[in-house]
Structure formats: C-alpha cells, structure tokens
mmCIF file of all heavy atoms, coordinates in Angstrom:
data_MODEL
# 
_entry.id   MODEL 
# 
loop_
_atom_site.group_PDB 
_atom_site.id 
_atom_site.type_symbol 
_atom_site.label_atom_id 
_atom_site.label_alt_id 
_atom_site.label_comp_id 
_atom_site.label_asym_id 
_atom_site.label_entity_id 
_atom_site.label_seq_id 
_atom_site.pdbx_PDB_ins_code 
_atom_site.Cartn_x 
_atom_site.Cartn_y 
_atom_site.Cartn_z 
_atom_site.occupancy 
_atom_site.B_iso_or_equiv 
_atom_site.pdbx_formal_charge 
_atom_site.auth_seq_id 
_atom_site.auth_comp_id 
_atom_site.auth_asym_id 
_atom_site.auth_atom_id 
_atom_site.pdbx_PDB_model_num 
ATOM 1   N N   . THR A 1 1  ? 88.917 105.112 160.036 1.00 0.00 ? 1  THR A N   1 
ATOM 2   C CA  . THR A 1 1  ? 89.851 106.229 160.160 1.00 0.00 ? 1  THR A CA  1 
ATOM 3   C C   . THR A 1 1  ? 90.473 106.173 161.548 1.00 0.00 ? 1  THR A C   1 
ATOM 4   O O   . THR A 1 1  ? 89.754 106.178 162.555 1.00 0.00 ? 1  THR A O   1 
ATOM 5   C CB  . THR A 1 1  ? 89.142 107.582 159.964 1.00 0.00 ? 1  THR A CB  1 
ATOM 6   O OG1 . THR A 1 1  ? 88.519 107.613 158.686 1.00 0.00 ? 1  THR A OG1 1 
ATOM 7   C CG2 . THR A 1 1  ? 90.147 108.729 160.069 1.00 0.00 ? 1  THR A CG2 1 
ATOM 8   N N   . GLN A 1 2  ? 91.799 106.116 161.605 1.00 0.00 ? 2  GLN A N   1 
ATOM 9   C CA  . GLN A 1 2  ? 92.496 106.029 162.887 1.00 0.00 ? 2  GLN A CA  1 
ATOM 10  C C   . GLN A 1 2  ? 92.526 107.405 163.534 1.00 0.00 ? 2  GLN A C   1 
ATOM 11  O O   . GLN A 1 2  ? 92.993 108.386 162.942 1.00 0.00 ? 2  GLN A O   1 
ATOM 12  C CB  . GLN A 1 2  ? 93.918 105.525 162.664 1.00 0.00 ? 2  GLN A CB  1 
ATOM 13  C CG  . GLN A 1 2  ? 94.574 104.990 163.905 1.00 0.00 ? 2  GLN A CG  1 
ATOM 14  C CD  . GLN A 1 2  ? 94.214 103.540 164.178 1.00 0.00 ? 2  GLN A CD  1 
ATOM 15  O OE1 . GLN A 1 2  ? 94.174 102.742 163.256 1.00 0.00 ? 2  GLN A OE1 1 
ATOM 16  N NE2 . GLN A 1 2  ? 93.980 103.212 165.434 1.00 0.00 ? 2  GLN A NE2 1 
ATOM 17  N N   . LEU A 1 3  ? 92.011 107.513 164.760 1.00 0.00 ? 3  LEU A N   1 
ATOM 18  C CA  . LEU A 1 3  ? 92.027 108.771 165.498 1.00 0.00 ? 3  LEU A CA  1 
ATOM 19  C C   . LEU A 1 3  ? 93.119 108.798 166.557 1.00 0.00 ? 3  LEU A C   1 
ATOM 20  O O   . LEU A 1 3  ? 93.661 109.860 166.866 1.00 0.00 ? 3  LEU A O   1 
ATOM 21  C CB  . LEU A 1 3  ? 90.656 109.013 166.144 1.00 0.00 ? 3  LEU A CB  1 
ATOM 22  C CG  . LEU A 1 3  ? 89.458 109.034 165.182 1.00 0.00 ? 3  LEU A CG  1 
ATOM 23  C CD1 . LEU A 1 3  ? 88.167 109.222 165.957 1.00 0.00 ? 3  LEU A CD1 1 
ATOM 24  C CD2 . LEU A 1 3  ? 89.627 110.118 164.130 1.00 0.00 ? 3  LEU A CD2 1 
ATOM 25  N N   . SER A 1 4  ? 93.405 107.650 167.137 1.00 0.00 ? 4  SER A N   1 
ATOM 26  C CA  . SER A 1 4  ? 94.479 107.493 168.116 1.00 0.00 ? 4  SER A CA  1 
ATOM 27  C C   . SER A 1 4  ? 94.771 106.003 168.198 1.00 0.00 ? 4  SER A C   1 
ATOM 28  O O   . SER A 1 4  ? 94.067 105.195 167.586 1.00 0.00 ? 4  SER A O   1 
ATOM 29  C CB  . SER A 1 4  ? 94.060 108.057 169.485 1.00 0.00 ? 4  SER A CB  1 
ATOM 30  O OG  . SER A 1 4  ? 93.183 107.162 170.141 1.00 0.00 ? 4  SER A OG  1 
ATOM 31  N N   . PRO A 1 5  ? 95.773 105.573 168.961 1.00 0.00 ? 5  PRO A N   1 
ATOM 32  C CA  . PRO A 1 5  ? 96.068 104.141 169.034 1.00 0.00 ? 5  PRO A CA  1 
ATOM 33  C C   . PRO A 1 5  ? 94.920 103.279 169.554 1.00 0.00 ? 5  PRO A C   1 
ATOM 34  O O   . PRO A 1 5  ? 94.889 102.078 169.303 1.00 0.00 ? 5  PRO A O   1 
ATOM 35  C CB  . PRO A 1 5  ? 97.281 104.082 169.972 1.00 0.00 ? 5  PRO A CB  1 
ATOM 36  C CG  . PRO A 1 5  ? 97.964 105.387 169.761 1.00 0.00 ? 5  PRO A CG  1 
ATOM 37  C CD  . PRO A 1 5  ? 96.846 106.369 169.585 1.00 0.00 ? 5  PRO A CD  1 
ATOM 38  N N   . THR A 1 6  ? 93.981 103.877 170.280 1.00 0.00 ? 6  THR A N   1 
ATOM 39  C CA  . THR A 1 6  ? 92.863 103.085 170.813 1.00 0.00 ? 6  THR A CA  1 
ATOM 40  C C   . THR A 1 6  ? 91.504 103.674 170.439 1.00 0.00 ? 6  THR A C   1 
ATOM 41  O O   . THR A 1 6  ? 90.485 103.341 171.043 1.00 0.00 ? 6  THR A O   1 
ATOM 42  C CB  . THR A 1 6  ? 92.950 102.978 172.349 1.00 0.00 ? 6  THR A CB  1 
ATOM 43  O OG1 . THR A 1 6  ? 92.979 104.303 172.906 1.00 0.00 ? 6  THR A OG1 1 
ATOM 44  C CG2 . THR A 1 6  ? 94.186 102.199 172.774 1.00 0.00 ? 6  THR A CG2 1 
ATOM 45  N N   . ARG A 1 7  ? 91.479 104.514 169.411 1.00 0.00 ? 7  ARG A N   1 
ATOM 46  C CA  . ARG A 1 7  ? 90.231 105.183 169.030 1.00 0.00 ? 7  ARG A CA  1 
ATOM 47  C C   . ARG A 1 7  ? 90.123 105.222 167.500 1.00 0.00 ? 7  ARG A C   1 
ATOM 48  O O   . ARG A 1 7  ? 91.073 105.648 166.822 1.00 0.00 ? 7  ARG A O   1 
ATOM 49  C CB  . ARG A 1 7  ? 90.191 106.601 169.615 1.00 0.00 ? 7  ARG A CB  1 
ATOM 50  C CG  . ARG A 1 7  ? 88.835 107.296 169.534 1.00 0.00 ? 7  ARG A CG  1 
ATOM 51  C CD  . ARG A 1 7  ? 88.906 108.614 170.294 1.00 0.00 ? 7  ARG A CD  1 
ATOM 52  N NE  . ARG A 1 7  ? 87.722 109.441 170.140 1.00 0.00 ? 7  ARG A NE  1 
ATOM 53  C CZ  . ARG A 1 7  ? 86.663 109.393 170.933 1.00 0.00 ? 7  ARG A CZ  1 
ATOM 54  N NH1 . ARG A 1 7  ? 86.636 108.536 171.938 1.00 0.00 ? 7  ARG A NH1 1 
ATOM 55  N NH2 . ARG A 1 7  ? 85.634 110.198 170.734 1.00 0.00 ? 7  ARG A NH2 1 
ATOM 56  N N   . ILE A 1 8  ? 88.966 104.795 166.979 1.00 0.00 ? 8  ILE A N   1 
ATOM 57  C CA  . ILE A 1 8  ? 88.749 104.667 165.536 1.00 0.00 ? 8  ILE A CA  1 
ATOM 58  C C   . ILE A 1 8  ? 87.389 105.250 165.178 1.00 0.00 ? 8  ILE A C   1 
ATOM 59  O O   . ILE A 1 8  ? 86.433 105.144 165.963 1.00 0.00 ? 8  ILE A O   1 
ATOM 60  C CB  . ILE A 1 8  ? 88.800 103.175 165.113 1.00 0.00 ? 8  ILE A CB  1 
ATOM 61  C CG1 . ILE A 1 8  ? 90.214 102.643 165.179 1.00 0.00 ? 8  ILE A CG1 1 
ATOM 62  C CG2 . ILE A 1 8  ? 88.233 102.959 163.712 1.00 0.00 ? 8  ILE A CG2 1 
ATOM 63  C CD1 . ILE A 1 8  ? 90.301 101.149 164.949 1.00 0.00 ? 8  ILE A CD1 1 
ATOM 64  N N   . ARG A 1 9  ? 87.305 105.849 163.986 1.00 0.00 ? 9  ARG A N   1 
ATOM 65  C CA  . ARG A 1 9  ? 86.011 106.264 163.451 1.00 0.00 ? 9  ARG A CA  1 
ATOM 66  C C   . ARG A 1 9  ? 85.600 105.287 162.349 1.00 0.00 ? 9  ARG A C   1 
ATOM 67  O O   . ARG A 1 9  ? 86.363 105.039 161.420 1.00 0.00 ? 9  ARG A O   1 
ATOM 68  C CB  . ARG A 1 9  ? 86.055 107.687 162.894 1.00 0.00 ? 9  ARG A CB  1 
ATOM 69  C CG  . ARG A 1 9  ? 84.680 108.141 162.367 1.00 0.00 ? 9  ARG A CG  1 
ATOM 70  C CD  . ARG A 1 9  ? 84.645 109.627 162.034 1.00 0.00 ? 9  ARG A CD  1 
ATOM 71  N NE  . ARG A 1 9  ? 85.541 109.957 160.945 1.00 0.00 ? 9  ARG A NE  1 
ATOM 72  C CZ  . ARG A 1 9  ? 86.494 110.880 161.015 1.00 0.00 ? 9  ARG A CZ  1 
ATOM 73  N NH1 . ARG A 1 9  ? 86.701 111.543 162.134 1.00 0.00 ? 9  ARG A NH1 1 
ATOM 74  N NH2 . ARG A 1 9  ? 87.261 111.142 159.976 1.00 0.00 ? 9  ARG A NH2 1 
ATOM 75  N N   . LEU A 1 10 ? 84.406 104.724 162.470 1.00 0.00 ? 10 LEU A N   1 
ATOM 76  C CA  . LEU A 1 10 ? 83.850 103.806 161.478 1.00 0.00 ? 10 LEU A CA  1 
ATOM 77  C C   . LEU A 1 10 ? 82.753 104.548 160.740 1.00 0.00 ? 10 LEU A C   1 
ATOM 78  O O   . LEU A 1 10 ? 81.698 104.862 161.303 1.00 0.00 ? 10 LEU A O   1 
ATOM 79  C CB  . LEU A 1 10 ? 83.286 102.562 162.174 1.00 0.00 ? 10 LEU A CB  1 
ATOM 80  C CG  . LEU A 1 10 ? 82.697 101.459 161.298 1.00 0.00 ? 10 LEU A CG  1 
ATOM 81  C CD1 . LEU A 1 10 ? 83.784 100.816 160.443 1.00 0.00 ? 10 LEU A CD1 1 
ATOM 82  C CD2 . LEU A 1 10 ? 82.006 100.399 162.165 1.00 0.00 ? 10 LEU A CD2 1 
ATOM 83  N N   . THR A 1 11 ? 82.990 104.853 159.460 1.00 0.00 ? 11 THR A N   1 
ATOM 84  C CA  . THR A 1 11 ? 82.091 105.680 158.661 1.00 0.00 ? 11 THR A CA  1 
ATOM 85  C C   . THR A 1 11 ? 81.346 104.830 157.645 1.00 0.00 ? 11 THR A C   1 
ATOM 86  O O   . THR A 1 11 ? 81.945 104.000 156.962 1.00 0.00 ? 11 THR A O   1 
ATOM 87  C CB  . THR A 1 11 ? 82.877 106.779 157.931 1.00 0.00 ? 11 THR A CB  1 
ATOM 88  O OG1 . THR A 1 11 ? 83.611 107.554 158.876 1.00 0.00 ? 11 THR A OG1 1 
ATOM 89  C CG2 . THR A 1 11 ? 81.941 107.688 157.151 1.00 0.00 ? 11 THR A CG2 1 
ATOM 90  N N   . THR A 1 12 ? 80.033 105.041 157.548 1.00 0.00 ? 12 THR A N   1 
ATOM 91  C CA  . THR A 1 12 ? 79.191 104.287 156.620 1.00 0.00 ? 12 THR A CA  1 
ATOM 92  C C   . THR A 1 12 ? 78.648 105.207 155.540 1.00 0.00 ? 12 THR A C   1 
ATOM 93  O O   . THR A 1 12 ? 78.181 106.311 155.821 1.00 0.00 ? 12 THR A O   1 
ATOM 94  C CB  . THR A 1 12 ? 78.002 103.638 157.355 1.00 0.00 ? 12 THR A CB  1 
ATOM 95  O OG1 . THR A 1 12 ? 78.494 102.826 158.409 1.00 0.00 ? 12 THR A OG1 1 
ATOM 96  C CG2 . THR A 1 12 ? 77.166 102.783 156.405 1.00 0.00 ? 12 THR A CG2 1 
ATOM 97  N N   . CYS A 1 13 ? 78.723 104.737 154.287 1.00 0.00 ? 13 CYS A N   1 
ATOM 98  C CA  . CYS A 1 13 ? 78.109 105.471 153.187 1.00 0.00 ? 13 CYS A CA  1 
ATOM 99  C C   . CYS A 1 13 ? 77.489 104.476 152.211 1.00 0.00 ? 13 CYS A C   1 
ATOM 100 O O   . CYS A 1 13 ? 77.803 103.281 152.225 1.00 0.00 ? 13 CYS A O   1 
ATOM 101 C CB  . CYS A 1 13 ? 79.109 106.382 152.475 1.00 0.00 ? 13 CYS A CB  1 
ATOM 102 S SG  . CYS A 1 13 ? 80.450 105.508 151.634 1.00 0.00 ? 13 CYS A SG  1 
ATOM 103 N N   . GLU A 1 14 ? 76.590 104.965 151.360 1.00 0.00 ? 14 GLU A N   1 
ATOM 104 C CA  . GLU A 1 14 ? 75.896 104.117 150.388 1.00 0.00 ? 14 GLU A CA  1 
ATOM 105 C C   . GLU A 1 14 ? 76.357 104.465 148.978 1.00 0.00 ? 14 GLU A C   1 
ATOM 106 O O   . GLU A 1 14 ? 76.332 105.625 148.577 1.00 0.00 ? 14 GLU A O   1 
ATOM 107 C CB  . GLU A 1 14 ? 74.382 104.291 150.497 1.00 0.00 ? 14 GLU A CB  1 
ATOM 108 C CG  . GLU A 1 14 ? 73.597 103.402 149.550 1.00 0.00 ? 14 GLU A CG  1 
ATOM 109 C CD  . GLU A 1 14 ? 72.097 103.551 149.700 1.00 0.00 ? 14 GLU A CD  1 
ATOM 110 O OE1 . GLU A 1 14 ? 71.667 104.446 150.455 1.00 0.00 ? 14 GLU A OE1 1 
ATOM 111 O OE2 . GLU A 1 14 ? 71.359 102.781 149.061 1.00 0.00 ? 14 GLU A OE2 1 
ATOM 112 N N   . VAL A 1 15 ? 76.785 103.446 148.247 1.00 0.00 ? 15 VAL A N   1 
ATOM 113 C CA  . VAL A 1 15 ? 77.236 103.612 146.870 1.00 0.00 ? 15 VAL A CA  1 
ATOM 114 C C   . VAL A 1 15 ? 76.150 103.072 145.944 1.00 0.00 ? 15 VAL A C   1 
ATOM 115 O O   . VAL A 1 15 ? 75.908 101.861 145.917 1.00 0.00 ? 15 VAL A O   1 
ATOM 116 C CB  . VAL A 1 15 ? 78.556 102.858 146.618 1.00 0.00 ? 15 VAL A CB  1 
ATOM 117 C CG1 . VAL A 1 15 ? 79.011 103.047 145.172 1.00 0.00 ? 15 VAL A CG1 1 
ATOM 118 C CG2 . VAL A 1 15 ? 79.640 103.324 147.585 1.00 0.00 ? 15 VAL A CG2 1 
ATOM 119 N N   . PRO A 1 16 ? 75.466 103.938 145.171 1.00 0.00 ? 16 PRO A N   1 
ATOM 120 C CA  . PRO A 1 16 ? 74.412 103.437 144.283 1.00 0.00 ? 16 PRO A CA  1 
ATOM 121 C C   . PRO A 1 16 ? 74.990 102.661 143.106 1.00 0.00 ? 16 PRO A C   1 
ATOM 122 O O   . PRO A 1 16 ? 76.106 102.938 142.658 1.00 0.00 ? 16 PRO A O   1 
ATOM 123 C CB  . PRO A 1 16 ? 73.709 104.715 143.820 1.00 0.00 ? 16 PRO A CB  1 
ATOM 124 C CG  . PRO A 1 16 ? 74.708 105.801 144.008 1.00 0.00 ? 16 PRO A CG  1 
ATOM 125 C CD  . PRO A 1 16 ? 75.590 105.389 145.147 1.00 0.00 ? 16 PRO A CD  1 
ATOM 126 N N   . ALA A 1 17 ? 74.233 101.693 142.611 1.00 0.00 ? 17 ALA A N   1 
ATOM 127 C CA  . ALA A 1 17 ? 74.712 100.866 141.508 1.00 0.00 ? 17 ALA A CA  1 
ATOM 128 C C   . ALA A 1 17 ? 74.924 101.693 140.241 1.00 0.00 ? 17 ALA A C   1 
ATOM 129 O O   . ALA A 1 17 ? 75.800 101.392 139.432 1.00 0.00 ? 17 ALA A O   1 
ATOM 130 C CB  . ALA A 1 17 ? 73.722 99.732  141.250 1.00 0.00 ? 17 ALA A CB  1 
ATOM 131 N N   . LYS A 1 18 ? 74.134 102.738 140.050 1.00 0.00 ? 18 LYS A N   1 
ATOM 132 C CA  . LYS A 1 18 ? 74.202 103.516 138.817 1.00 0.00 ? 18 LYS A CA  1 
ATOM 133 C C   . LYS A 1 18 ? 75.343 104.529 138.814 1.00 0.00 ? 18 LYS A C   1 
ATOM 134 O O   . LYS A 1 18 ? 75.660 105.098 137.768 1.00 0.00 ? 18 LYS A O   1 
ATOM 135 C CB  . LYS A 1 18 ? 72.866 104.231 138.597 1.00 0.00 ? 18 LYS A CB  1 
ATOM 136 C CG  . LYS A 1 18 ? 71.693 103.277 138.364 1.00 0.00 ? 18 LYS A CG  1 
ATOM 137 C CD  . LYS A 1 18 ? 70.401 104.026 138.143 1.00 0.00 ? 18 LYS A CD  1 
ATOM 138 C CE  . LYS A 1 18 ? 69.241 103.079 137.911 1.00 0.00 ? 18 LYS A CE  1 
ATOM 139 N NZ  . LYS A 1 18 ? 67.960 103.809 137.713 1.00 0.00 ? 18 LYS A NZ  1 
ATOM 140 N N   . ASP A 1 19 ? 75.943 104.764 139.976 1.00 0.00 ? 19 ASP A N   1 
ATOM 141 C CA  . ASP A 1 19 ? 77.032 105.735 140.033 1.00 0.00 ? 19 ASP A CA  1 
ATOM 142 C C   . ASP A 1 19 ? 77.984 105.324 141.148 1.00 0.00 ? 19 ASP A C   1 
ATOM 143 O O   . ASP A 1 19 ? 77.869 105.773 142.287 1.00 0.00 ? 19 ASP A O   1 
ATOM 144 C CB  . ASP A 1 19 ? 76.500 107.144 140.278 1.00 0.00 ? 19 ASP A CB  1 
ATOM 145 C CG  . ASP A 1 19 ? 77.586 108.207 140.143 1.00 0.00 ? 19 ASP A CG  1 
ATOM 146 O OD1 . ASP A 1 19 ? 78.761 107.829 139.958 1.00 0.00 ? 19 ASP A OD1 1 
ATOM 147 O OD2 . ASP A 1 19 ? 77.263 109.401 140.223 1.00 0.00 ? 19 ASP A OD2 1 
ATOM 148 N N   . SER A 1 20 ? 78.929 104.456 140.811 1.00 0.00 ? 20 SER A N   1 
ATOM 149 C CA  . SER A 1 20 ? 79.829 103.907 141.821 1.00 0.00 ? 20 SER A CA  1 
ATOM 150 C C   . SER A 1 20 ? 80.814 104.942 142.358 1.00 0.00 ? 20 SER A C   1 
ATOM 151 O O   . SER A 1 20 ? 81.531 104.670 143.322 1.00 0.00 ? 20 SER A O   1 
ATOM 152 C CB  . SER A 1 20 ? 80.607 102.725 141.237 1.00 0.00 ? 20 SER A CB  1 
ATOM 153 O OG  . SER A 1 20 ? 81.374 103.143 140.115 1.00 0.00 ? 20 SER A OG  1 
ATOM 154 N N   . LYS A 1 21 ? 80.872 106.135 141.750 1.00 0.00 ? 21 LYS A N   1 
ATOM 155 C CA  . LYS A 1 21 ? 81.779 107.171 142.229 1.00 0.00 ? 21 LYS A CA  1 
ATOM 156 C C   . LYS A 1 21 ? 81.176 107.968 143.380 1.00 0.00 ? 21 LYS A C   1 
ATOM 157 O O   . LYS A 1 21 ? 81.884 108.721 144.045 1.00 0.00 ? 21 LYS A O   1 
ATOM 158 C CB  . LYS A 1 21 ? 82.165 108.101 141.084 1.00 0.00 ? 21 LYS A CB  1 
ATOM 159 C CG  . LYS A 1 21 ? 82.977 107.419 139.980 1.00 0.00 ? 21 LYS A CG  1 
ATOM 160 C CD  . LYS A 1 21 ? 83.364 108.407 138.892 1.00 0.00 ? 21 LYS A CD  1 
ATOM 161 C CE  . LYS A 1 21 ? 84.175 107.714 137.796 1.00 0.00 ? 21 LYS A CE  1 
ATOM 162 N NZ  . LYS A 1 21 ? 84.563 108.670 136.724 1.00 0.00 ? 21 LYS A NZ  1 
ATOM 163 N N   . GLN A 1 22 ? 79.872 107.839 143.583 1.00 0.00 ? 22 GLN A N   1 
ATOM 164 C CA  . GLN A 1 22 ? 79.220 108.532 144.680 1.00 0.00 ? 22 GLN A CA  1 
ATOM 165 C C   . GLN A 1 22 ? 79.193 107.655 145.916 1.00 0.00 ? 22 GLN A C   1 
ATOM 166 O O   . GLN A 1 22 ? 79.164 106.437 145.829 1.00 0.00 ? 22 GLN A O   1 
ATOM 167 C CB  . GLN A 1 22 ? 77.776 108.912 144.312 1.00 0.00 ? 22 GLN A CB  1 
ATOM 168 C CG  . GLN A 1 22 ? 77.662 109.993 143.269 1.00 0.00 ? 22 GLN A CG  1 
ATOM 169 C CD  . GLN A 1 22 ? 76.219 110.464 143.112 1.00 0.00 ? 22 GLN A CD  1 
ATOM 170 O OE1 . GLN A 1 22 ? 75.361 110.139 143.924 1.00 0.00 ? 22 GLN A OE1 1 
ATOM 171 N NE2 . GLN A 1 22 ? 75.957 111.220 142.056 1.00 0.00 ? 22 GLN A NE2 1 
ATOM 172 N N   . CYS A 1 23 ? 79.208 108.294 147.072 1.00 0.00 ? 23 CYS A N   1 
ATOM 173 C CA  . CYS A 1 23 ? 79.089 107.568 148.333 1.00 0.00 ? 23 CYS A CA  1 
ATOM 174 C C   . CYS A 1 23 ? 78.280 108.453 149.287 1.00 0.00 ? 23 CYS A C   1 
ATOM 175 O O   . CYS A 1 23 ? 78.817 109.369 149.912 1.00 0.00 ? 23 CYS A O   1 
ATOM 176 C CB  . CYS A 1 23 ? 80.466 107.242 148.908 1.00 0.00 ? 23 CYS A CB  1 
ATOM 177 S SG  . CYS A 1 23 ? 80.463 105.825 150.025 1.00 0.00 ? 23 CYS A SG  1 
ATOM 178 N N   . LYS A 1 24 ? 76.992 108.187 149.361 1.00 0.00 ? 24 LYS A N   1 
ATOM 179 C CA  . LYS A 1 24 ? 76.077 109.000 150.164 1.00 0.00 ? 24 LYS A CA  1 
ATOM 180 C C   . LYS A 1 24 ? 76.301 108.733 151.644 1.00 0.00 ? 24 LYS A C   1 
ATOM 181 O O   . LYS A 1 24 ? 76.145 107.604 152.108 1.00 0.00 ? 24 LYS A O   1 
ATOM 182 C CB  . LYS A 1 24 ? 74.640 108.674 149.783 1.00 0.00 ? 24 LYS A CB  1 
ATOM 183 C CG  . LYS A 1 24 ? 73.598 109.397 150.620 1.00 0.00 ? 24 LYS A CG  1 
ATOM 184 C CD  . LYS A 1 24 ? 72.202 108.925 150.264 1.00 0.00 ? 24 LYS A CD  1 
ATOM 185 C CE  . LYS A 1 24 ? 71.160 109.544 151.196 1.00 0.00 ? 24 LYS A CE  1 
ATOM 186 N NZ  . LYS A 1 24 ? 69.804 109.031 150.880 1.00 0.00 ? 24 LYS A NZ  1 
# 
C-alpha cells in the first residue's frame, strides 16, 4: 500500500486452502 512517494506499508495475511476468500 503506497503511503507516500518514499513510504510503503507491506501487509501480510494468511489464506487457508479451504477458504481462499479469507485472509487472516
């Protein structure tokens, strides 16, 4: 996610195999 020209947010989530629509 771009926050500014020199600043970014890197977000991690887990997608289970049984429900690819979820991202914990």
